[in-house]
Amino acid sequence: MIVGIMGAMPEEVEPIVKRLDNVKRHEVADNIYYTALYGSLDLVIAYSKIGKVFSALTASTMIEKFGAGKMLFSGVAGAINPQLSIGDLIAATKLCQHDLDITAFGHPYGYVPEGKVFIEADPKLLEIASLVAAKEGIKLKRGVVATGDQFVADEQRKKWIGETFGADALEMEGASVAVVCDALRVPFFILRAISDAADMEAGFDFDTFLESSAKKSADFIFAILDELDKA
């Protein structure tokens, strides 16, 4: 089985690559991809760079060029739901694009013709994640993750996204990866560790907690890989 593992930034994939042996480096489409064997699993790993376009390109490359048959995304997100605190883990049950707007044509926010507002994550991978959380004694929350090409540090925008999409957290890559995986019939799982509150203090909190949150998310991804390796 070939499993793709993505992050958006170097800090989100470095904790993963560092734990692997005999890692090979590949340059494709102005990006770096790493391949390695983990148990019986062939892994392909990359940080996409920030934003929806780069993440869609990276996910497509992993699937079409490297043959990834499952996709895992490890990274950080800002909280919308007040019950989420810095360091909490959230698994996306479904994802949307909060900055997609053709409402002038009578469509809801986040929708384009022949598309859909929400893309649902793979239920089997969500089930494995729940199993991992129970085994490790980790509190894993589930919820809606909203994606957009904006680093949100505004309370009004945060409130609007939460009310419009029922979103619990927001970030800049997940929904575009979901769209690619959904179109190419590849099961996917998006895991985010909360690094900030998506408010006016987001810049400070993000820099402070990025490294520790990314490591926590990466540890959980490895626990999922262990379960996939047993299958």
C-alpha atoms as a PDB file:
ATOM      1  CA  MET A   1       0.000   0.000   0.000  1.00  0.00           C
ATOM      2  CA  ILE A   2       1.257   3.465  -0.903  1.00  0.00           C
ATOM      3  CA  VAL A   3       0.260   6.155   1.582  1.00  0.00           C
ATOM      4  CA  GLY A   4       0.654   9.863   0.932  1.00  0.00           C
ATOM      5  CA  ILE A   5       1.406  12.100   3.898  1.00  0.00           C
ATOM      6  CA  MET A   6       1.092  15.832   3.483  1.00  0.00           C
ATOM      7  CA  GLY A   7       1.649  19.003   5.433  1.00  0.00           C
ATOM      8  CA  ALA A   8       1.660  22.588   4.265  1.00  0.00           C
ATOM      9  CA  MET A   9       4.894  23.760   5.876  1.00  0.00           C
ATOM     10  CA  PRO A  10       8.300  22.211   6.613  1.00  0.00           C
ATOM     11  CA  GLU A  11       7.498  22.217  10.332  1.00  0.00           C
ATOM     12  CA  GLU A  12       4.517  19.951   9.661  1.00  0.00           C
ATOM     13  CA  VAL A  13       6.422  17.183   7.859  1.00  0.00           C
ATOM     14  CA  GLU A  14       9.869  17.374   9.462  1.00  0.00           C
ATOM     15  CA  PRO A  15       8.754  15.390  12.549  1.00  0.00           C
ATOM     16  CA  ILE A  16       7.601  12.643  10.155  1.00  0.00           C
ATOM     17  CA  VAL A  17      10.613  12.505   7.839  1.00  0.00           C
ATOM     18  CA  LYS A  18      13.041  12.523  10.781  1.00  0.00           C
ATOM     19  CA  ARG A  19      11.577   9.270  12.119  1.00  0.00           C
ATOM     20  CA  LEU A  20      12.118   7.339   8.868  1.00  0.00           C
ATOM     21  CA  ASP A  21      15.182   5.486   7.594  1.00  0.00           C
ATOM     22  CA  ASN A  22      16.607   5.358   4.060  1.00  0.00           C
ATOM     23  CA  VAL A  23      14.588   8.317   2.877  1.00  0.00           C
ATOM     24  CA  LYS A  24      14.835   9.130  -0.826  1.00  0.00           C
ATOM     25  CA  ARG A  25      14.382  12.648  -2.188  1.00  0.00           C
ATOM     26  CA  HIS A  26      12.570  13.433  -5.439  1.00  0.00           C
ATOM     27  CA  GLU A  27      12.113  16.774  -7.206  1.00  0.00           C
ATOM     28  CA  VAL A  28       8.809  17.051  -9.053  1.00  0.00           C
ATOM     29  CA  ALA A  29       6.874  20.132 -10.206  1.00  0.00           C
ATOM     30  CA  ASP A  30       9.006  22.585  -8.218  1.00  0.00           C
ATOM     31  CA  ASN A  31       8.558  20.645  -5.015  1.00  0.00           C
ATOM     32  CA  ILE A  32      10.393  18.010  -2.979  1.00  0.00           C
ATOM     33  CA  TYR A  33       8.849  14.605  -2.273  1.00  0.00           C
ATOM     34  CA  TYR A  34      10.309  12.049   0.115  1.00  0.00           C
ATOM     35  CA  THR A  35       9.765   8.309  -0.158  1.00  0.00           C
ATOM     36  CA  ALA A  36      10.511   5.684   2.461  1.00  0.00           C
ATOM     37  CA  LEU A  37       9.371   2.300   3.688  1.00  0.00           C
ATOM     38  CA  TYR A  38       7.551   2.072   7.021  1.00  0.00           C
ATOM     39  CA  GLY A  39       6.792  -1.529   7.890  1.00  0.00           C
ATOM     40  CA  SER A  40       4.873  -2.863   4.901  1.00  0.00           C
ATOM     41  CA  LEU A  41       3.805   0.631   3.823  1.00  0.00           C
ATOM     42  CA  ASP A  42       5.380   2.674   1.072  1.00  0.00           C
ATOM     43  CA  LEU A  43       5.215   6.312   2.075  1.00  0.00           C
ATOM     44  CA  VAL A  44       5.420   9.447  -0.034  1.00  0.00           C
ATOM     45  CA  ILE A  45       5.727  12.645   1.989  1.00  0.00           C
ATOM     46  CA  ALA A  46       5.777  16.327   1.108  1.00  0.00           C
ATOM     47  CA  TYR A  47       4.945  19.758   2.377  1.00  0.00           C
ATOM     48  CA  SER A  48       2.912  21.434  -0.295  1.00  0.00           C
ATOM     49  CA  LYS A  49       3.585  25.070   0.569  1.00  0.00           C
ATOM     50  CA  ILE A  50       0.752  27.176   1.907  1.00  0.00           C
ATOM     51  CA  GLY A  51      -2.612  27.555   0.188  1.00  0.00           C
ATOM     52  CA  LYS A  52      -5.210  25.716  -1.839  1.00  0.00           C
ATOM     53  CA  VAL A  53      -3.447  25.723  -5.224  1.00  0.00           C
ATOM     54  CA  PHE A  54      -0.181  24.267  -3.952  1.00  0.00           C
ATOM     55  CA  SER A  55      -1.926  21.687  -1.790  1.00  0.00           C
ATOM     56  CA  ALA A  56      -4.114  20.542  -4.688  1.00  0.00           C
ATOM     57  CA  LEU A  57      -1.039  20.251  -6.916  1.00  0.00           C
ATOM     58  CA  THR A  58       0.833  18.245  -4.278  1.00  0.00           C
ATOM     59  CA  ALA A  59      -2.059  15.884  -3.612  1.00  0.00           C
ATOM     60  CA  SER A  60      -2.558  15.307  -7.340  1.00  0.00           C
ATOM     61  CA  THR A  61       1.141  14.595  -7.825  1.00  0.00           C
ATOM     62  CA  MET A  62       1.211  12.117  -4.950  1.00  0.00           C
ATOM     63  CA  ILE A  63      -1.732  10.235  -6.418  1.00  0.00           C
ATOM     64  CA  GLU A  64      -0.970  10.421 -10.142  1.00  0.00           C
ATOM     65  CA  LYS A  65       2.846  10.157 -10.127  1.00  0.00           C
ATOM     66  CA  PHE A  66       3.625   8.270  -6.917  1.00  0.00           C
ATOM     67  CA  GLY A  67       0.491   6.095  -6.817  1.00  0.00           C
ATOM     68  CA  ALA A  68      -0.767   7.055  -3.368  1.00  0.00           C
ATOM     69  CA  GLY A  69      -3.866   5.021  -2.559  1.00  0.00           C
ATOM     70  CA  LYS A  70      -4.609   6.743   0.746  1.00  0.00           C
ATOM     71  CA  MET A  71      -3.925  10.305   1.818  1.00  0.00           C
ATOM     72  CA  LEU A  72      -3.168  11.571   5.316  1.00  0.00           C
ATOM     73  CA  PHE A  73      -2.724  15.249   6.106  1.00  0.00           C
ATOM     74  CA  SER A  74      -0.938  16.365   9.257  1.00  0.00           C
ATOM     75  CA  GLY A  75      -0.811  19.985  10.306  1.00  0.00           C
ATOM     76  CA  VAL A  76      -2.128  22.820  12.398  1.00  0.00           C
ATOM     77  CA  ALA A  77      -5.311  24.897  12.375  1.00  0.00           C
ATOM     78  CA  GLY A  78      -6.990  27.807  14.073  1.00  0.00           C
ATOM     79  CA  ALA A  79      -9.932  27.181  16.373  1.00  0.00           C
ATOM     80  CA  ILE A  80     -13.431  28.498  15.736  1.00  0.00           C
ATOM     81  CA  ASN A  81     -15.294  26.307  18.190  1.00  0.00           C
ATOM     82  CA  PRO A  82     -14.664  27.762  21.676  1.00  0.00           C
ATOM     83  CA  GLN A  83     -14.424  24.221  23.038  1.00  0.00           C
ATOM     84  CA  LEU A  84     -11.173  23.741  21.106  1.00  0.00           C
ATOM     85  CA  SER A  85      -7.983  24.742  22.904  1.00  0.00           C
ATOM     86  CA  ILE A  86      -4.403  25.109  21.756  1.00  0.00           C
ATOM     87  CA  GLY A  87      -2.873  21.638  21.406  1.00  0.00           C
ATOM     88  CA  ASP A  88      -6.195  19.841  20.853  1.00  0.00           C
ATOM     89  CA  LEU A  89      -6.432  17.422  17.943  1.00  0.00           C
ATOM     90  CA  ILE A  90      -9.357  17.571  15.534  1.00  0.00           C
ATOM     91  CA  ALA A  91     -10.172  15.096  12.770  1.00  0.00           C
ATOM     92  CA  ALA A  92     -12.136  16.604   9.916  1.00  0.00           C
ATOM     93  CA  THR A  93     -15.422  14.826   9.286  1.00  0.00           C
ATOM     94  CA  LYS A  94     -16.047  17.089   6.301  1.00  0.00           C
ATOM     95  CA  LEU A  95     -14.386  20.114   4.758  1.00  0.00           C
ATOM     96  CA  CYS A  96     -15.469  23.230   2.878  1.00  0.00           C
ATOM     97  CA  GLN A  97     -13.945  26.271   1.181  1.00  0.00           C
ATOM     98  CA  HIS A  98     -14.985  29.348   3.139  1.00  0.00           C
ATOM     99  CA  ASP A  99     -13.585  31.819   0.594  1.00  0.00           C
ATOM    100  CA  LEU A 100     -15.383  30.344  -2.440  1.00  0.00           C
ATOM    101  CA  ASP A 101     -18.126  32.800  -3.336  1.00  0.00           C
ATOM    102  CA  ILE A 102     -20.388  32.841  -6.393  1.00  0.00           C
ATOM    103  CA  THR A 103     -23.451  33.803  -4.393  1.00  0.00           C
ATOM    104  CA  ALA A 104     -24.129  36.493  -7.026  1.00  0.00           C
ATOM    105  CA  PHE A 105     -25.449  33.644  -9.183  1.00  0.00           C
ATOM    106  CA  GLY A 106     -27.760  32.317  -6.507  1.00  0.00           C
ATOM    107  CA  HIS A 107     -25.465  29.592  -5.151  1.00  0.00           C
ATOM    108  CA  PRO A 108     -24.586  29.089  -1.477  1.00  0.00           C
ATOM    109  CA  TYR A 109     -21.161  30.031  -0.154  1.00  0.00           C
ATOM    110  CA  GLY A 110     -18.572  27.356  -0.835  1.00  0.00           C
ATOM    111  CA  TYR A 111     -20.377  25.905  -3.860  1.00  0.00           C
ATOM    112  CA  VAL A 112     -19.577  25.784  -7.572  1.00  0.00           C
ATOM    113  CA  PRO A 113     -21.733  24.078 -10.240  1.00  0.00           C
ATOM    114  CA  GLU A 114     -21.002  20.337 -10.487  1.00  0.00           C
ATOM    115  CA  GLY A 115     -19.281  20.567  -7.126  1.00  0.00           C
ATOM    116  CA  LYS A 116     -20.478  20.477  -3.538  1.00  0.00           C
ATOM    117  CA  VAL A 117     -20.062  22.609  -0.455  1.00  0.00           C
ATOM    118  CA  PHE A 118     -18.768  19.810   1.792  1.00  0.00           C
ATOM    119  CA  ILE A 119     -16.442  16.891   1.059  1.00  0.00           C
ATOM    120  CA  GLU A 120     -16.647  14.076   3.600  1.00  0.00           C
ATOM    121  CA  ALA A 121     -13.555  12.336   4.946  1.00  0.00           C
ATOM    122  CA  ASP A 122     -13.163   8.574   4.670  1.00  0.00           C
ATOM    123  CA  PRO A 123     -15.223   6.885   7.416  1.00  0.00           C
ATOM    124  CA  LYS A 124     -12.811   3.933   7.718  1.00  0.00           C
ATOM    125  CA  LEU A 125      -9.837   6.216   8.348  1.00  0.00           C
ATOM    126  CA  LEU A 126     -11.904   8.173  10.861  1.00  0.00           C
ATOM    127  CA  GLU A 127     -12.710   4.881  12.585  1.00  0.00           C
ATOM    128  CA  ILE A 128      -9.012   3.978  12.731  1.00  0.00           C
ATOM    129  CA  ALA A 129      -8.282   7.419  14.178  1.00  0.00           C
ATOM    130  CA  SER A 130     -10.868   6.876  16.898  1.00  0.00           C
ATOM    131  CA  LEU A 131      -9.298   3.495  17.692  1.00  0.00           C
ATOM    132  CA  VAL A 132      -5.856   5.100  17.945  1.00  0.00           C
ATOM    133  CA  ALA A 133      -7.161   7.832  20.201  1.00  0.00           C
ATOM    134  CA  ALA A 134      -8.783   5.287  22.520  1.00  0.00           C
ATOM    135  CA  LYS A 135      -5.608   3.185  22.679  1.00  0.00           C
ATOM    136  CA  GLU A 136      -3.337   6.148  23.363  1.00  0.00           C
ATOM    137  CA  GLY A 137      -5.700   7.900  25.739  1.00  0.00           C
ATOM    138  CA  ILE A 138      -5.804  10.926  23.460  1.00  0.00           C
ATOM    139  CA  LYS A 139      -8.783  13.226  23.266  1.00  0.00           C
ATOM    140  CA  LEU A 140      -9.559  13.430  19.546  1.00  0.00           C
ATOM    141  CA  LYS A 141     -12.348  15.739  18.546  1.00  0.00           C
ATOM    142  CA  ARG A 142     -14.254  15.534  15.277  1.00  0.00           C
ATOM    143  CA  GLY A 143     -15.680  18.448  13.383  1.00  0.00           C
ATOM    144  CA  VAL A 144     -16.036  20.560  10.276  1.00  0.00           C
ATOM    145  CA  VAL A 145     -12.878  22.167   8.944  1.00  0.00           C
ATOM    146  CA  ALA A 146     -13.077  25.248   6.725  1.00  0.00           C
ATOM    147  CA  THR A 147     -10.330  26.066   4.234  1.00  0.00           C
ATOM    148  CA  GLY A 148      -9.443  29.340   2.553  1.00  0.00           C
ATOM    149  CA  ASP A 149      -6.542  31.288   1.111  1.00  0.00           C
ATOM    150  CA  GLN A 150      -6.511  33.574   4.136  1.00  0.00           C
ATOM    151  CA  PHE A 151      -4.776  33.465   7.486  1.00  0.00           C
ATOM    152  CA  VAL A 152      -7.760  34.498   9.589  1.00  0.00           C
ATOM    153  CA  ALA A 153      -6.939  36.779  12.502  1.00  0.00           C
ATOM    154  CA  ASP A 154     -10.235  38.602  12.727  1.00  0.00           C
ATOM    155  CA  GLU A 155     -13.023  37.846  15.175  1.00  0.00           C
ATOM    156  CA  GLN A 156     -15.838  38.883  12.810  1.00  0.00           C
ATOM    157  CA  ARG A 157     -14.548  36.744   9.946  1.00  0.00           C
ATOM    158  CA  LYS A 158     -14.074  33.815  12.304  1.00  0.00           C
ATOM    159  CA  LYS A 159     -17.652  34.176  13.559  1.00  0.00           C
ATOM    160  CA  TRP A 160     -19.026  34.375  10.009  1.00  0.00           C
ATOM    161  CA  ILE A 161     -17.216  31.181   8.928  1.00  0.00           C
ATOM    162  CA  GLY A 162     -18.468  29.358  11.992  1.00  0.00           C
ATOM    163  CA  GLU A 163     -22.063  30.421  11.477  1.00  0.00           C
ATOM    164  CA  THR A 164     -22.120  29.957   7.697  1.00  0.00           C
ATOM    165  CA  PHE A 165     -20.518  26.523   7.531  1.00  0.00           C
ATOM    166  CA  GLY A 166     -20.911  25.173  11.052  1.00  0.00           C
ATOM    167  CA  ALA A 167     -17.110  25.047  11.091  1.00  0.00           C
ATOM    168  CA  ASP A 168     -15.075  24.111  14.144  1.00  0.00           C
ATOM    169  CA  ALA A 169     -11.616  24.977  12.825  1.00  0.00           C
ATOM    170  CA  LEU A 170     -10.040  26.706   9.865  1.00  0.00           C
ATOM    171  CA  GLU A 171      -6.855  26.380   7.848  1.00  0.00           C
ATOM    172  CA  MET A 172      -5.553  26.870   4.301  1.00  0.00           C
ATOM    173  CA  GLU A 173      -5.196  23.476   2.578  1.00  0.00           C
ATOM    174  CA  GLY A 174      -7.515  20.707   3.735  1.00  0.00           C
ATOM    175  CA  ALA A 175     -10.563  21.219   1.520  1.00  0.00           C
ATOM    176  CA  SER A 176      -8.515  21.442  -1.676  1.00  0.00           C
ATOM    177  CA  VAL A 177      -6.825  18.143  -0.806  1.00  0.00           C
ATOM    178  CA  ALA A 178     -10.287  16.737  -0.099  1.00  0.00           C
ATOM    179  CA  VAL A 179     -11.588  17.860  -3.504  1.00  0.00           C
ATOM    180  CA  VAL A 180      -8.674  16.168  -5.286  1.00  0.00           C
ATOM    181  CA  CYS A 181      -9.011  12.939  -3.305  1.00  0.00           C
ATOM    182  CA  ASP A 182     -12.779  12.856  -3.769  1.00  0.00           C
ATOM    183  CA  ALA A 183     -12.465  13.311  -7.535  1.00  0.00           C
ATOM    184  CA  LEU A 184      -9.777  10.624  -7.828  1.00  0.00           C
ATOM    185  CA  ARG A 185     -11.532   8.236  -5.395  1.00  0.00           C
ATOM    186  CA  VAL A 186      -8.692   8.195  -2.878  1.00  0.00           C
ATOM    187  CA  PRO A 187      -9.650   7.809   0.810  1.00  0.00           C
ATOM    188  CA  PHE A 188      -8.323  10.703   2.876  1.00  0.00           C
ATOM    189  CA  PHE A 189      -7.966  11.813   6.476  1.00  0.00           C
ATOM    190  CA  ILE A 190      -7.237  15.364   7.632  1.00  0.00           C
ATOM    191  CA  LEU A 191      -5.789  15.776  11.118  1.00  0.00           C
ATOM    192  CA  ARG A 192      -5.185  19.196  12.602  1.00  0.00           C
ATOM    193  CA  ALA A 193      -3.641  20.259  15.896  1.00  0.00           C
ATOM    194  CA  ILE A 194      -4.955  23.568  17.179  1.00  0.00           C
ATOM    195  CA  SER A 195      -2.172  26.161  17.168  1.00  0.00           C
ATOM    196  CA  ASP A 196      -4.135  29.387  17.646  1.00  0.00           C
ATOM    197  CA  ALA A 197      -7.571  30.812  18.286  1.00  0.00           C
ATOM    198  CA  ALA A 198      -7.941  32.483  14.863  1.00  0.00           C
ATOM    199  CA  ASP A 199      -8.346  35.868  16.527  1.00  0.00           C
ATOM    200  CA  MET A 200      -6.310  39.056  16.778  1.00  0.00           C
ATOM    201  CA  GLU A 201      -3.612  37.190  18.705  1.00  0.00           C
ATOM    202  CA  ALA A 202      -3.289  34.492  16.024  1.00  0.00           C
ATOM    203  CA  GLY A 203       0.115  35.654  14.755  1.00  0.00           C
ATOM    204  CA  PHE A 204       1.683  35.452  18.211  1.00  0.00           C
ATOM    205  CA  ASP A 205       0.090  32.147  19.164  1.00  0.00           C
ATOM    206  CA  PHE A 206       0.873  30.570  15.808  1.00  0.00           C
ATOM    207  CA  ASP A 207       4.599  31.212  16.055  1.00  0.00           C
ATOM    208  CA  THR A 208       4.680  30.052  19.663  1.00  0.00           C
ATOM    209  CA  PHE A 209       2.818  26.780  19.304  1.00  0.00           C
ATOM    210  CA  LEU A 210       3.454  25.674  15.705  1.00  0.00           C
ATOM    211  CA  GLU A 211       6.330  23.324  16.475  1.00  0.00           C
ATOM    212  CA  SER A 212       4.747  21.543  19.423  1.00  0.00           C
ATOM    213  CA  SER A 213       1.332  21.269  17.753  1.00  0.00           C
ATOM    214  CA  ALA A 214       2.829  19.903  14.533  1.00  0.00           C
ATOM    215  CA  LYS A 215       4.774  17.268  16.479  1.00  0.00           C
ATOM    216  CA  LYS A 216       1.649  16.179  18.315  1.00  0.00           C
ATOM    217  CA  SER A 217      -0.199  15.811  15.021  1.00  0.00           C
ATOM    218  CA  ALA A 218       2.706  13.873  13.470  1.00  0.00           C
ATOM    219  CA  ASP A 219       2.816  11.434  16.396  1.00  0.00           C
ATOM    220  CA  PHE A 220      -0.837  10.664  15.829  1.00  0.00           C
ATOM    221  CA  ILE A 221      -0.239  10.096  12.099  1.00  0.00           C
ATOM    222  CA  PHE A 222       2.403   7.496  12.954  1.00  0.00           C
ATOM    223  CA  ALA A 223      -0.063   5.711  15.211  1.00  0.00           C
ATOM    224  CA  ILE A 224      -2.493   5.564  12.269  1.00  0.00           C
ATOM    225  CA  LEU A 225       0.285   4.187  10.048  1.00  0.00           C
ATOM    226  CA  ASP A 226       0.896   1.458  12.618  1.00  0.00           C
ATOM    227  CA  GLU A 227      -2.742   0.439  12.365  1.00  0.00           C
ATOM    228  CA  LEU A 228      -2.662   0.486   8.546  1.00  0.00           C
ATOM    229  CA  ASP A 229       0.495  -1.614   8.634  1.00  0.00           C
ATOM    230  CA  LYS A 230      -1.375  -4.318  10.549  1.00  0.00           C
ATOM    231  CA  ALA A 231      -4.198  -4.497   8.031  1.00  0.00           C
END
